[in-house]
Amino acid sequence: MKFVTDRKRAQGLGSGRSGTHHHWKMMISSAALVVLVPLFVFTFGAGLGRDHSDVVDYFARPFPAIITALTLVVAILHCKAEAEEAIVDYVHGVKGKLLIVALNAASYTMIAAGLFALVKIAL
């Protein structure tokens, strides 16, 4: 018979003390996306229907390139944080840890590939 207090029984199962930080991080990235997505749609839309050389010249300018890069990075990091939260909530053990590692690898690979493509176009 074990004499374990309620605190010891619940240790590790309660608050992770990171909910407020995650909430504010999501609120800030959401507010950034509220501004960035319409800017991206209008800047990307201005390049649609042009020839390849015109599009390359258009994205060589700083404003469209910066808006595209910021939108890419903020959107992928926002989606990564939400997917990571879902994995933490619903997948446990080694499988959950492996999924988080795969998610991090995939999201940072997408950011690197997108920024590399943008730099290749812009330069």
PDB file of N, CA and C in Angstrom:
ATOM      1  N   MET A   1       0.846  -1.168   0.000  1.00  0.00           N
ATOM      2  CA  MET A   1       0.000   0.000   0.000  1.00  0.00           C
ATOM      3  C   MET A   1       0.892   1.232   0.000  1.00  0.00           C
ATOM      4  N   LYS A   2       0.660   2.116  -0.969  1.00  0.00           N
ATOM      5  CA  LYS A   2       1.450   3.329  -1.079  1.00  0.00           C
ATOM      6  C   LYS A   2       0.696   4.492  -0.485  1.00  0.00           C
ATOM      7  N   PHE A   3       1.412   5.282   0.283  1.00  0.00           N
ATOM      8  CA  PHE A   3       0.838   6.508   0.814  1.00  0.00           C
ATOM      9  C   PHE A   3       1.376   7.676  -0.004  1.00  0.00           C
ATOM     10  N   VAL A   4       0.642   8.030  -1.047  1.00  0.00           N
ATOM     11  CA  VAL A   4       1.059   9.089  -1.957  1.00  0.00           C
ATOM     12  C   VAL A   4       0.071  10.231  -1.829  1.00  0.00           C
ATOM     13  N   THR A   5       0.616  11.419  -1.693  1.00  0.00           N
ATOM     14  CA  THR A   5      -0.263  12.586  -1.586  1.00  0.00           C
ATOM     15  C   THR A   5      -0.864  12.909  -2.966  1.00  0.00           C
ATOM     16  N   ASP A   6      -1.913  13.727  -2.920  1.00  0.00           N
ATOM     17  CA  ASP A   6      -2.554  14.130  -4.174  1.00  0.00           C
ATOM     18  C   ASP A   6      -1.579  14.870  -5.072  1.00  0.00           C
ATOM     19  N   ARG A   7      -0.721  15.671  -4.479  1.00  0.00           N
ATOM     20  CA  ARG A   7       0.256  16.423  -5.260  1.00  0.00           C
ATOM     21  C   ARG A   7       1.203  15.480  -5.992  1.00  0.00           C
ATOM     22  N   LYS A   8       1.693  14.449  -5.303  1.00  0.00           N
ATOM     23  CA  LYS A   8       2.610  13.503  -5.927  1.00  0.00           C
ATOM     24  C   LYS A   8       1.911  12.698  -7.022  1.00  0.00           C
ATOM     25  N   ARG A   9       0.649  12.383  -6.830  1.00  0.00           N
ATOM     26  CA  ARG A   9      -0.112  11.637  -7.824  1.00  0.00           C
ATOM     27  C   ARG A   9      -0.316  12.464  -9.100  1.00  0.00           C
ATOM     28  N   ALA A  10      -0.463  13.776  -8.945  1.00  0.00           N
ATOM     29  CA  ALA A  10      -0.748  14.649 -10.082  1.00  0.00           C
ATOM     30  C   ALA A  10       0.500  15.276 -10.688  1.00  0.00           C
ATOM     31  N   GLN A  11       1.655  15.028 -10.063  1.00  0.00           N
ATOM     32  CA  GLN A  11       2.876  15.663 -10.555  1.00  0.00           C
ATOM     33  C   GLN A  11       3.144  15.235 -11.998  1.00  0.00           C
ATOM     34  N   GLY A  12       3.400  16.215 -12.833  1.00  0.00           N
ATOM     35  CA  GLY A  12       3.661  15.945 -14.238  1.00  0.00           C
ATOM     36  C   GLY A  12       2.398  15.881 -15.081  1.00  0.00           C
ATOM     37  N   LEU A  13       1.247  15.904 -14.444  1.00  0.00           N
ATOM     38  CA  LEU A  13      -0.002  15.821 -15.184  1.00  0.00           C
ATOM     39  C   LEU A  13      -0.737  17.154 -15.217  1.00  0.00           C
ATOM     40  N   GLY A  14      -0.261  18.104 -14.452  1.00  0.00           N
ATOM     41  CA  GLY A  14      -0.964  19.378 -14.353  1.00  0.00           C
ATOM     42  C   GLY A  14      -0.445  20.399 -15.342  1.00  0.00           C
ATOM     43  N   SER A  15      -0.482  21.635 -14.925  1.00  0.00           N
ATOM     44  CA  SER A  15      -0.087  22.748 -15.765  1.00  0.00           C
ATOM     45  C   SER A  15       1.383  22.641 -16.153  1.00  0.00           C
ATOM     46  N   GLY A  16       1.646  22.883 -17.426  1.00  0.00           N
ATOM     47  CA  GLY A  16       3.022  22.878 -17.904  1.00  0.00           C
ATOM     48  C   GLY A  16       3.663  24.240 -17.758  1.00  0.00           C
ATOM     49  N   ARG A  17       2.879  25.216 -17.272  1.00  0.00           N
ATOM     50  CA  ARG A  17       3.320  26.597 -17.059  1.00  0.00           C
ATOM     51  C   ARG A  17       3.807  27.257 -18.346  1.00  0.00           C
ATOM     52  N   SER A  18       3.297  26.799 -19.473  1.00  0.00           N
ATOM     53  CA  SER A  18       3.695  27.423 -20.733  1.00  0.00           C
ATOM     54  C   SER A  18       2.484  27.846 -21.552  1.00  0.00           C
ATOM     55  N   GLY A  19       1.304  27.697 -20.997  1.00  0.00           N
ATOM     56  CA  GLY A  19       0.095  28.027 -21.736  1.00  0.00           C
ATOM     57  C   GLY A  19      -0.030  29.498 -22.060  1.00  0.00           C
ATOM     58  N   THR A  20       0.318  30.356 -21.127  1.00  0.00           N
ATOM     59  CA  THR A  20       0.219  31.796 -21.370  1.00  0.00           C
ATOM     60  C   THR A  20       1.219  32.232 -22.427  1.00  0.00           C
ATOM     61  N   HIS A  21       2.430  31.700 -22.352  1.00  0.00           N
ATOM     62  CA  HIS A  21       3.446  32.031 -23.344  1.00  0.00           C
ATOM     63  C   HIS A  21       3.004  31.577 -24.737  1.00  0.00           C
ATOM     64  N   HIS A  22       2.481  30.364 -24.819  1.00  0.00           N
ATOM     65  CA  HIS A  22       2.010  29.848 -26.117  1.00  0.00           C
ATOM     66  C   HIS A  22       0.853  30.695 -26.643  1.00  0.00           C
ATOM     67  N   HIS A  23      -0.044  31.066 -25.761  1.00  0.00           N
ATOM     68  CA  HIS A  23      -1.195  31.880 -26.171  1.00  0.00           C
ATOM     69  C   HIS A  23      -0.737  33.222 -26.735  1.00  0.00           C
ATOM     70  N   TRP A  24       0.174  33.900 -26.045  1.00  0.00           N
ATOM     71  CA  TRP A  24       0.640  35.194 -26.522  1.00  0.00           C
ATOM     72  C   TRP A  24       1.436  35.060 -27.812  1.00  0.00           C
ATOM     73  N   LYS A  25       2.217  33.997 -27.931  1.00  0.00           N
ATOM     74  CA  LYS A  25       2.956  33.760 -29.162  1.00  0.00           C
ATOM     75  C   LYS A  25       1.989  33.574 -30.336  1.00  0.00           C
ATOM     76  N   MET A  26       0.923  32.842 -30.107  1.00  0.00           N
ATOM     77  CA  MET A  26      -0.076  32.630 -31.161  1.00  0.00           C
ATOM     78  C   MET A  26      -0.836  33.916 -31.476  1.00  0.00           C
ATOM     79  N   MET A  27      -1.124  34.710 -30.458  1.00  0.00           N
ATOM     80  CA  MET A  27      -1.825  35.976 -30.691  1.00  0.00           C
ATOM     81  C   MET A  27      -0.960  36.942 -31.505  1.00  0.00           C
ATOM     82  N   ILE A  28       0.324  36.997 -31.200  1.00  0.00           N
ATOM     83  CA  ILE A  28       1.219  37.898 -31.929  1.00  0.00           C
ATOM     84  C   ILE A  28       1.392  37.434 -33.366  1.00  0.00           C
ATOM     85  N   SER A  29       1.593  36.132 -33.562  1.00  0.00           N
ATOM     86  CA  SER A  29       1.750  35.650 -34.938  1.00  0.00           C
ATOM     87  C   SER A  29       0.446  35.766 -35.718  1.00  0.00           C
ATOM     88  N   SER A  30      -0.692  35.607 -35.049  1.00  0.00           N
ATOM     89  CA  SER A  30      -1.977  35.794 -35.723  1.00  0.00           C
ATOM     90  C   SER A  30      -2.176  37.245 -36.136  1.00  0.00           C
ATOM     91  N   ALA A  31      -1.818  38.170 -35.255  1.00  0.00           N
ATOM     92  CA  ALA A  31      -1.944  39.585 -35.597  1.00  0.00           C
ATOM     93  C   ALA A  31      -0.998  39.944 -36.742  1.00  0.00           C
ATOM     94  N   ALA A  32       0.195  39.368 -36.747  1.00  0.00           N
ATOM     95  CA  ALA A  32       1.125  39.614 -37.845  1.00  0.00           C
ATOM     96  C   ALA A  32       0.573  39.061 -39.152  1.00  0.00           C
ATOM     97  N   LEU A  33      -0.056  37.888 -39.086  1.00  0.00           N
ATOM     98  CA  LEU A  33      -0.625  37.295 -40.297  1.00  0.00           C
ATOM     99  C   LEU A  33      -1.832  38.076 -40.803  1.00  0.00           C
ATOM    100  N   VAL A  34      -2.581  38.700 -39.897  1.00  0.00           N
ATOM    101  CA  VAL A  34      -3.715  39.531 -40.321  1.00  0.00           C
ATOM    102  C   VAL A  34      -3.228  40.670 -41.205  1.00  0.00           C
ATOM    103  N   VAL A  35      -2.050  41.186 -40.922  1.00  0.00           N
ATOM    104  CA  VAL A  35      -1.485  42.263 -41.729  1.00  0.00           C
ATOM    105  C   VAL A  35      -0.754  41.707 -42.951  1.00  0.00           C
ATOM    106  N   LEU A  36       0.024  40.638 -42.752  1.00  0.00           N
ATOM    107  CA  LEU A  36       0.891  40.137 -43.811  1.00  0.00           C
ATOM    108  C   LEU A  36       0.149  39.444 -44.945  1.00  0.00           C
ATOM    109  N   VAL A  37      -0.891  38.680 -44.633  1.00  0.00           N
ATOM    110  CA  VAL A  37      -1.568  37.920 -45.686  1.00  0.00           C
ATOM    111  C   VAL A  37      -2.218  38.831 -46.731  1.00  0.00           C
ATOM    112  N   PRO A  38      -2.979  39.861 -46.356  1.00  0.00           N
ATOM    113  CA  PRO A  38      -3.499  40.744 -47.406  1.00  0.00           C
ATOM    114  C   PRO A  38      -2.391  41.460 -48.190  1.00  0.00           C
ATOM    115  N   LEU A  39      -1.327  41.883 -47.489  1.00  0.00           N
ATOM    116  CA  LEU A  39      -0.206  42.489 -48.202  1.00  0.00           C
ATOM    117  C   LEU A  39       0.414  41.509 -49.193  1.00  0.00           C
ATOM    118  N   PHE A  40       0.555  40.258 -48.761  1.00  0.00           N
ATOM    119  CA  PHE A  40       1.113  39.237 -49.644  1.00  0.00           C
ATOM    120  C   PHE A  40       0.200  38.984 -50.838  1.00  0.00           C
ATOM    121  N   VAL A  41      -1.098  38.904 -50.591  1.00  0.00           N
ATOM    122  CA  VAL A  41      -2.040  38.652 -51.689  1.00  0.00           C
ATOM    123  C   VAL A  41      -1.968  39.768 -52.728  1.00  0.00           C
ATOM    124  N   PHE A  42      -1.914  41.005 -52.272  1.00  0.00           N
ATOM    125  CA  PHE A  42      -1.853  42.121 -53.217  1.00  0.00           C
ATOM    126  C   PHE A  42      -0.496  42.209 -53.910  1.00  0.00           C
ATOM    127  N   THR A  43       0.592  41.961 -53.187  1.00  0.00           N
ATOM    128  CA  THR A  43       1.903  42.025 -53.838  1.00  0.00           C
ATOM    129  C   THR A  43       2.107  40.839 -54.777  1.00  0.00           C
ATOM    130  N   PHE A  44       1.638  39.666 -54.393  1.00  0.00           N
ATOM    131  CA  PHE A  44       1.755  38.491 -55.260  1.00  0.00           C
ATOM    132  C   PHE A  44       0.826  38.629 -56.454  1.00  0.00           C
ATOM    133  N   GLY A  45      -0.355  39.170 -56.217  1.00  0.00           N
ATOM    134  CA  GLY A  45      -1.315  39.370 -57.299  1.00  0.00           C
ATOM    135  C   GLY A  45      -0.815  40.338 -58.352  1.00  0.00           C
ATOM    136  N   ALA A  46      -0.017  41.299 -57.929  1.00  0.00           N
ATOM    137  CA  ALA A  46       0.538  42.256 -58.893  1.00  0.00           C
ATOM    138  C   ALA A  46       1.537  41.591 -59.826  1.00  0.00           C
ATOM    139  N   GLY A  47       2.102  40.482 -59.409  1.00  0.00           N
ATOM    140  CA  GLY A  47       3.066  39.769 -60.253  1.00  0.00           C
ATOM    141  C   GLY A  47       2.438  38.703 -61.124  1.00  0.00           C
ATOM    142  N   LEU A  48       1.178  38.384 -60.906  1.00  0.00           N
ATOM    143  CA  LEU A  48       0.518  37.337 -61.686  1.00  0.00           C
ATOM    144  C   LEU A  48       0.288  37.784 -63.128  1.00  0.00           C
ATOM    145  N   GLY A  49       0.415  36.847 -64.044  1.00  0.00           N
ATOM    146  CA  GLY A  49       0.143  37.122 -65.447  1.00  0.00           C
ATOM    147  C   GLY A  49       1.277  37.788 -66.185  1.00  0.00           C
ATOM    148  N   ARG A  50       2.392  37.975 -65.533  1.00  0.00           N
ATOM    149  CA  ARG A  50       3.542  38.606 -66.181  1.00  0.00           C
ATOM    150  C   ARG A  50       4.476  37.538 -66.747  1.00  0.00           C
ATOM    151  N   ASP A  51       5.377  37.986 -67.580  1.00  0.00           N
ATOM    152  CA  ASP A  51       6.413  37.088 -68.094  1.00  0.00           C
ATOM    153  C   ASP A  51       7.398  36.761 -66.977  1.00  0.00           C
ATOM    154  N   HIS A  52       8.201  35.728 -67.213  1.00  0.00           N
ATOM    155  CA  HIS A  52       9.165  35.284 -66.207  1.00  0.00           C
ATOM    156  C   HIS A  52      10.141  36.399 -65.849  1.00  0.00           C
ATOM    157  N   SER A  53      10.643  37.086 -66.832  1.00  0.00           N
ATOM    158  CA  SER A  53      11.619  38.149 -66.544  1.00  0.00           C
ATOM    159  C   SER A  53      10.986  39.307 -65.775  1.00  0.00           C
ATOM    160  N   ASP A  54       9.714  39.598 -66.059  1.00  0.00           N
ATOM    161  CA  ASP A  54       9.024  40.654 -65.318  1.00  0.00           C
ATOM    162  C   ASP A  54       8.798  40.250 -63.858  1.00  0.00           C
ATOM    163  N   VAL A  55       8.464  38.977 -63.643  1.00  0.00           N
ATOM    164  CA  VAL A  55       8.256  38.492 -62.272  1.00  0.00           C
ATOM    165  C   VAL A  55       9.572  38.520 -61.501  1.00  0.00           C
ATOM    166  N   VAL A  56      10.653  38.120 -62.147  1.00  0.00           N
ATOM    167  CA  VAL A  56      11.967  38.153 -61.496  1.00  0.00           C
ATOM    168  C   VAL A  56      12.337  39.591 -61.150  1.00  0.00           C
ATOM    169  N   ASP A  57      12.091  40.510 -62.080  1.00  0.00           N
ATOM    170  CA  ASP A  57      12.358  41.923 -61.797  1.00  0.00           C
ATOM    171  C   ASP A  57      11.468  42.453 -60.678  1.00  0.00           C
ATOM    172  N   TYR A  58      10.214  42.002 -60.658  1.00  0.00           N
ATOM    173  CA  TYR A  58       9.279  42.464 -59.630  1.00  0.00           C
ATOM    174  C   TYR A  58       9.721  42.001 -58.242  1.00  0.00           C
ATOM    175  N   PHE A  59      10.100  40.723 -58.118  1.00  0.00           N
ATOM    176  CA  PHE A  59      10.512  40.205 -56.812  1.00  0.00           C
ATOM    177  C   PHE A  59      11.946  40.587 -56.456  1.00  0.00           C
ATOM    178  N   ALA A  60      12.667  41.190 -57.366  1.00  0.00           N
ATOM    179  CA  ALA A  60      13.995  41.716 -57.045  1.00  0.00           C
ATOM    180  C   ALA A  60      13.889  43.023 -56.266  1.00  0.00           C
ATOM    181  N   ARG A  61      12.717  43.650 -56.321  1.00  0.00           N
ATOM    182  CA  ARG A  61      12.506  44.862 -55.524  1.00  0.00           C
ATOM    183  C   ARG A  61      12.348  44.469 -54.059  1.00  0.00           C
ATOM    184  N   PRO A  62      12.753  45.330 -53.134  1.00  0.00           N
ATOM    185  CA  PRO A  62      12.755  44.947 -51.714  1.00  0.00           C
ATOM    186  C   PRO A  62      11.365  44.697 -51.117  1.00  0.00           C
ATOM    187  N   PHE A  63      10.382  45.536 -51.430  1.00  0.00           N
ATOM    188  CA  PHE A  63       9.087  45.405 -50.761  1.00  0.00           C
ATOM    189  C   PHE A  63       8.408  44.053 -51.031  1.00  0.00           C
ATOM    190  N   PRO A  64       8.241  43.627 -52.286  1.00  0.00           N
ATOM    191  CA  PRO A  64       7.607  42.316 -52.497  1.00  0.00           C
ATOM    192  C   PRO A  64       8.416  41.165 -51.912  1.00  0.00           C
ATOM    193  N   ALA A  65       9.741  41.254 -51.979  1.00  0.00           N
ATOM    194  CA  ALA A  65      10.575  40.173 -51.452  1.00  0.00           C
ATOM    195  C   ALA A  65      10.464  40.086 -49.929  1.00  0.00           C
ATOM    196  N   ILE A  66      10.459  41.234 -49.257  1.00  0.00           N
ATOM    197  CA  ILE A  66      10.366  41.234 -47.794  1.00  0.00           C
ATOM    198  C   ILE A  66       8.992  40.755 -47.335  1.00  0.00           C
ATOM    199  N   ILE A  67       7.936  41.228 -47.990  1.00  0.00           N
ATOM    200  CA  ILE A  67       6.584  40.783 -47.624  1.00  0.00           C
ATOM    201  C   ILE A  67       6.444  39.284 -47.832  1.00  0.00           C
ATOM    202  N   THR A  68       6.957  38.775 -48.953  1.00  0.00           N
ATOM    203  CA  THR A  68       6.885  37.336 -49.223  1.00  0.00           C
ATOM    204  C   THR A  68       7.664  36.546 -48.183  1.00  0.00           C
ATOM    205  N   ALA A  69       8.867  36.982 -47.849  1.00  0.00           N
ATOM    206  CA  ALA A  69       9.689  36.273 -46.869  1.00  0.00           C
ATOM    207  C   ALA A  69       9.051  36.292 -45.481  1.00  0.00           C
ATOM    208  N   LEU A  70       8.562  37.444 -45.059  1.00  0.00           N
ATOM    209  CA  LEU A  70       7.911  37.534 -43.739  1.00  0.00           C
ATOM    210  C   LEU A  70       6.661  36.664 -43.666  1.00  0.00           C
ATOM    211  N   THR A  71       5.860  36.690 -44.723  1.00  0.00           N
ATOM    212  CA  THR A  71       4.647  35.876 -44.733  1.00  0.00           C
ATOM    213  C   THR A  71       4.997  34.398 -44.676  1.00  0.00           C
ATOM    214  N   LEU A  72       5.990  33.993 -45.441  1.00  0.00           N
ATOM    215  CA  LEU A  72       6.421  32.600 -45.448  1.00  0.00           C
ATOM    216  C   LEU A  72       6.866  32.154 -44.062  1.00  0.00           C
ATOM    217  N   VAL A  73       7.745  32.917 -43.440  1.00  0.00           N
ATOM    218  CA  VAL A  73       8.308  32.524 -42.140  1.00  0.00           C
ATOM    219  C   VAL A  73       7.242  32.536 -41.049  1.00  0.00           C
ATOM    220  N   VAL A  74       6.461  33.608 -40.965  1.00  0.00           N
ATOM    221  CA  VAL A  74       5.461  33.712 -39.895  1.00  0.00           C
ATOM    222  C   VAL A  74       4.368  32.660 -40.062  1.00  0.00           C
ATOM    223  N   ALA A  75       3.916  32.416 -41.284  1.00  0.00           N
ATOM    224  CA  ALA A  75       2.852  31.430 -41.502  1.00  0.00           C
ATOM    225  C   ALA A  75       3.319  30.018 -41.166  1.00  0.00           C
ATOM    226  N   ILE A  76       4.520  29.664 -41.580  1.00  0.00           N
ATOM    227  CA  ILE A  76       5.010  28.311 -41.290  1.00  0.00           C
ATOM    228  C   ILE A  76       5.262  28.130 -39.797  1.00  0.00           C
ATOM    229  N   LEU A  77       5.843  29.122 -39.143  1.00  0.00           N
ATOM    230  CA  LEU A  77       6.072  28.996 -37.697  1.00  0.00           C
ATOM    231  C   LEU A  77       4.757  28.953 -36.918  1.00  0.00           C
ATOM    232  N   HIS A  78       3.747  29.710 -37.374  1.00  0.00           N
ATOM    233  CA  HIS A  78       2.434  29.679 -36.730  1.00  0.00           C
ATOM    234  C   HIS A  78       1.805  28.291 -36.871  1.00  0.00           C
ATOM    235  N   CYS A  79       1.835  27.749 -38.074  1.00  0.00           N
ATOM    236  CA  CYS A  79       1.278  26.410 -38.295  1.00  0.00           C
ATOM    237  C   CYS A  79       2.056  25.344 -37.537  1.00  0.00           C
ATOM    238  N   LYS A  80       3.388  25.506 -37.452  1.00  0.00           N
ATOM    239  CA  LYS A  80       4.216  24.555 -36.712  1.00  0.00           C
ATOM    240  C   LYS A  80       3.852  24.543 -35.229  1.00  0.00           C
ATOM    241  N   ALA A  81       3.642  25.723 -34.665  1.00  0.00           N
ATOM    242  CA  ALA A  81       3.302  25.801 -33.244  1.00  0.00           C
ATOM    243  C   ALA A  81       1.944  25.160 -32.973  1.00  0.00           C
ATOM    244  N   GLU A  82       0.997  25.378 -33.852  1.00  0.00           N
ATOM    245  CA  GLU A  82      -0.329  24.774 -33.662  1.00  0.00           C
ATOM    246  C   GLU A  82      -0.273  23.258 -33.834  1.00  0.00           C
ATOM    247  N   ALA A  83       0.461  22.782 -34.841  1.00  0.00           N
ATOM    248  CA  ALA A  83       0.582  21.334 -35.043  1.00  0.00           C
ATOM    249  C   ALA A  83       1.330  20.680 -33.889  1.00  0.00           C
ATOM    250  N   GLU A  84       2.339  21.366 -33.371  1.00  0.00           N
ATOM    251  CA  GLU A  84       3.079  20.838 -32.227  1.00  0.00           C
ATOM    252  C   GLU A  84       2.187  20.732 -30.998  1.00  0.00           C
ATOM    253  N   GLU A  85       1.324  21.710 -30.813  1.00  0.00           N
ATOM    254  CA  GLU A  85       0.388  21.661 -29.682  1.00  0.00           C
ATOM    255  C   GLU A  85      -0.580  20.489 -29.823  1.00  0.00           C
ATOM    256  N   ALA A  86      -1.035  20.234 -31.031  1.00  0.00           N
ATOM    257  CA  ALA A  86      -1.918  19.090 -31.259  1.00  0.00           C
ATOM    258  C   ALA A  86      -1.190  17.773 -31.014  1.00  0.00           C
ATOM    259  N   ILE A  87       0.068  17.691 -31.435  1.00  0.00           N
ATOM    260  CA  ILE A  87       0.846  16.472 -31.199  1.00  0.00           C
ATOM    261  C   ILE A  87       1.062  16.262 -29.705  1.00  0.00           C
ATOM    262  N   VAL A  88       1.399  17.320 -28.986  1.00  0.00           N
ATOM    263  CA  VAL A  88       1.614  17.203 -27.541  1.00  0.00           C
ATOM    264  C   VAL A  88       0.331  16.764 -26.842  1.00  0.00           C
ATOM    265  N   ASP A  89      -0.802  17.273 -27.294  1.00  0.00           N
ATOM    266  CA  ASP A  89      -2.070  16.939 -26.652  1.00  0.00           C
ATOM    267  C   ASP A  89      -2.536  15.514 -26.945  1.00  0.00           C
ATOM    268  N   TYR A  90      -2.297  15.002 -28.149  1.00  0.00           N
ATOM    269  CA  TYR A  90      -2.942  13.757 -28.559  1.00  0.00           C
ATOM    270  C   TYR A  90      -2.004  12.590 -28.819  1.00  0.00           C
ATOM    271  N   VAL A  91      -0.705  12.808 -28.939  1.00  0.00           N
ATOM    272  CA  VAL A  91       0.227  11.707 -29.189  1.00  0.00           C
ATOM    273  C   VAL A  91       1.239  11.698 -28.053  1.00  0.00           C
ATOM    274  N   HIS A  92       1.396  10.558 -27.423  1.00  0.00           N
ATOM    275  CA  HIS A  92       2.251  10.468 -26.241  1.00  0.00           C
ATOM    276  C   HIS A  92       3.400   9.501 -26.477  1.00  0.00           C
ATOM    277  N   GLY A  93       4.411   9.632 -25.651  1.00  0.00           N
ATOM    278  CA  GLY A  93       5.525   8.702 -25.686  1.00  0.00           C
ATOM    279  C   GLY A  93       6.520   9.008 -26.788  1.00  0.00           C
ATOM    280  N   VAL A  94       7.200   7.960 -27.209  1.00  0.00           N
ATOM    281  CA  VAL A  94       8.253   8.089 -28.211  1.00  0.00           C
ATOM    282  C   VAL A  94       7.682   8.541 -29.549  1.00  0.00           C
ATOM    283  N   LYS A  95       6.499   8.054 -29.871  1.00  0.00           N
ATOM    284  CA  LYS A  95       5.872   8.448 -31.134  1.00  0.00           C
ATOM    285  C   LYS A  95       5.634   9.956 -31.184  1.00  0.00           C
ATOM    286  N   GLY A  96       5.200  10.539 -30.090  1.00  0.00           N
ATOM    287  CA  GLY A  96       4.983  11.973 -30.031  1.00  0.00           C
ATOM    288  C   GLY A  96       6.274  12.755 -30.187  1.00  0.00           C
ATOM    289  N   LYS A  97       7.332  12.290 -29.525  1.00  0.00           N
ATOM    290  CA  LYS A  97       8.619  12.966 -29.632  1.00  0.00           C
ATOM    291  C   LYS A  97       9.161  12.886 -31.058  1.00  0.00           C
ATOM    292  N   LEU A  98       9.023  11.735 -31.690  1.00  0.00           N
ATOM    293  CA  LEU A  98       9.482  11.589 -33.066  1.00  0.00           C
ATOM    294  C   LEU A  98       8.674  12.465 -34.023  1.00  0.00           C
ATOM    295  N   LEU A  99       7.369  12.572 -33.769  1.00  0.00           N
ATOM    296  CA  LEU A  99       6.542  13.439 -34.611  1.00  0.00           C
ATOM    297  C   LEU A  99       6.926  14.908 -34.455  1.00  0.00           C
ATOM    298  N   ILE A 100       7.255  15.315 -33.245  1.00  0.00           N
ATOM    299  CA  ILE A 100       7.678  16.709 -33.026  1.00  0.00           C
ATOM    300  C   ILE A 100       9.001  16.978 -33.730  1.00  0.00           C
ATOM    301  N   VAL A 101       9.930  16.022 -33.669  1.00  0.00           N
ATOM    302  CA  VAL A 101      11.198  16.181 -34.376  1.00  0.00           C
ATOM    303  C   VAL A 101      10.963  16.260 -35.884  1.00  0.00           C
ATOM    304  N   ALA A 102      10.092  15.393 -36.401  1.00  0.00           N
ATOM    305  CA  ALA A 102       9.781  15.415 -37.839  1.00  0.00           C
ATOM    306  C   ALA A 102       9.091  16.715 -38.227  1.00  0.00           C
ATOM    307  N   LEU A 103       8.195  17.187 -37.378  1.00  0.00           N
ATOM    308  CA  LEU A 103       7.507  18.445 -37.646  1.00  0.00           C
ATOM    309  C   LEU A 103       8.494  19.613 -37.685  1.00  0.00           C
ATOM    310  N   ASN A 104       9.396  19.674 -36.730  1.00  0.00           N
ATOM    311  CA  ASN A 104      10.408  20.730 -36.711  1.00  0.00           C
ATOM    312  C   ASN A 104      11.293  20.654 -37.948  1.00  0.00           C
ATOM    313  N   ALA A 105      11.723  19.453 -38.298  1.00  0.00           N
ATOM    314  CA  ALA A 105      12.579  19.295 -39.476  1.00  0.00           C
ATOM    315  C   ALA A 105      11.848  19.722 -40.745  1.00  0.00           C
ATOM    316  N   ALA A 106      10.595  19.310 -40.880  1.00  0.00           N
ATOM    317  CA  ALA A 106       9.828  19.657 -42.081  1.00  0.00           C
ATOM    318  C   ALA A 106       9.560  21.160 -42.160  1.00  0.00           C
ATOM    319  N   SER A 107       9.201  21.769 -41.041  1.00  0.00           N
ATOM    320  CA  SER A 107       8.870  23.191 -41.084  1.00  0.00           C
ATOM    321  C   SER A 107      10.108  24.042 -41.361  1.00  0.00           C
ATOM    322  N   TYR A 108      11.231  23.737 -40.735  1.00  0.00           N
ATOM    323  CA  TYR A 108      12.431  24.523 -40.995  1.00  0.00           C
ATOM    324  C   TYR A 108      12.996  24.245 -42.390  1.00  0.00           C
ATOM    325  N   THR A 109      12.785  23.038 -42.909  1.00  0.00           N
ATOM    326  CA  THR A 109      13.172  22.745 -44.285  1.00  0.00           C
ATOM    327  C   THR A 109      12.332  23.557 -45.261  1.00  0.00           C
ATOM    328  N   MET A 110      11.026  23.667 -44.994  1.00  0.00           N
ATOM    329  CA  MET A 110      10.168  24.478 -45.860  1.00  0.00           C
ATOM    330  C   MET A 110      10.565  25.950 -45.814  1.00  0.00           C
ATOM    331  N   ILE A 111      10.891  26.451 -44.635  1.00  0.00           N
ATOM    332  CA  ILE A 111      11.333  27.845 -44.525  1.00  0.00           C
ATOM    333  C   ILE A 111      12.629  28.049 -45.303  1.00  0.00           C
ATOM    334  N   ALA A 112      13.584  27.134 -45.128  1.00  0.00           N
ATOM    335  CA  ALA A 112      14.863  27.272 -45.835  1.00  0.00           C
ATOM    336  C   ALA A 112      14.680  27.180 -47.340  1.00  0.00           C
ATOM    337  N   ALA A 113      13.867  26.253 -47.798  1.00  0.00           N
ATOM    338  CA  ALA A 113      13.641  26.105 -49.236  1.00  0.00           C
ATOM    339  C   ALA A 113      12.931  27.324 -49.809  1.00  0.00           C
ATOM    340  N   GLY A 114      11.937  27.833 -49.094  1.00  0.00           N
ATOM    341  CA  GLY A 114      11.213  29.011 -49.567  1.00  0.00           C
ATOM    342  C   GLY A 114      12.092  30.246 -49.619  1.00  0.00           C
ATOM    343  N   LEU A 115      12.892  30.461 -48.583  1.00  0.00           N
ATOM    344  CA  LEU A 115      13.786  31.617 -48.583  1.00  0.00           C
ATOM    345  C   LEU A 115      14.885  31.476 -49.628  1.00  0.00           C
ATOM    346  N   PHE A 116      15.373  30.250 -49.819  1.00  0.00           N
ATOM    347  CA  PHE A 116      16.366  30.021 -50.866  1.00  0.00           C
ATOM    348  C   PHE A 116      15.790  30.323 -52.239  1.00  0.00           C
ATOM    349  N   ALA A 117      14.577  29.870 -52.504  1.00  0.00           N
ATOM    350  CA  ALA A 117      13.931  30.148 -53.784  1.00  0.00           C
ATOM    351  C   ALA A 117      13.709  31.650 -53.972  1.00  0.00           C
ATOM    352  N   LEU A 118      13.305  32.321 -52.919  1.00  0.00           N
ATOM    353  CA  LEU A 118      13.091  33.758 -53.002  1.00  0.00           C
ATOM    354  C   LEU A 118      14.396  34.502 -53.263  1.00  0.00           C
ATOM    355  N   VAL A 119      15.463  34.087 -52.604  1.00  0.00           N
ATOM    356  CA  VAL A 119      16.764  34.715 -52.831  1.00  0.00           C
ATOM    357  C   VAL A 119      17.243  34.453 -54.253  1.00  0.00           C
ATOM    358  N   LYS A 120      17.030  33.231 -54.744  1.00  0.00           N
ATOM    359  CA  LYS A 120      17.409  32.924 -56.133  1.00  0.00           C
ATOM    360  C   LYS A 120      16.642  33.797 -57.120  1.00  0.00           C
ATOM    361  N   ILE A 121      15.386  34.070 -56.834  1.00  0.00           N
ATOM    362  CA  ILE A 121      14.589  34.920 -57.714  1.00  0.00           C
ATOM    363  C   ILE A 121      15.029  36.369 -57.566  1.00  0.00           C
ATOM    364  N   ALA A 122      15.224  36.796 -56.324  1.00  0.00           N
ATOM    365  CA  ALA A 122      15.509  38.216 -56.066  1.00  0.00           C
ATOM    366  C   ALA A 122      16.916  38.645 -56.482  1.00  0.00           C
ATOM    367  N   LEU A 123      17.842  37.720 -56.451  1.00  0.00           N
ATOM    368  CA  LEU A 123      19.216  38.086 -56.802  1.00  0.00           C
ATOM    369  C   LEU A 123      19.494  37.619 -58.180  1.00  0.00           C
TER     370      LEU A 123
END
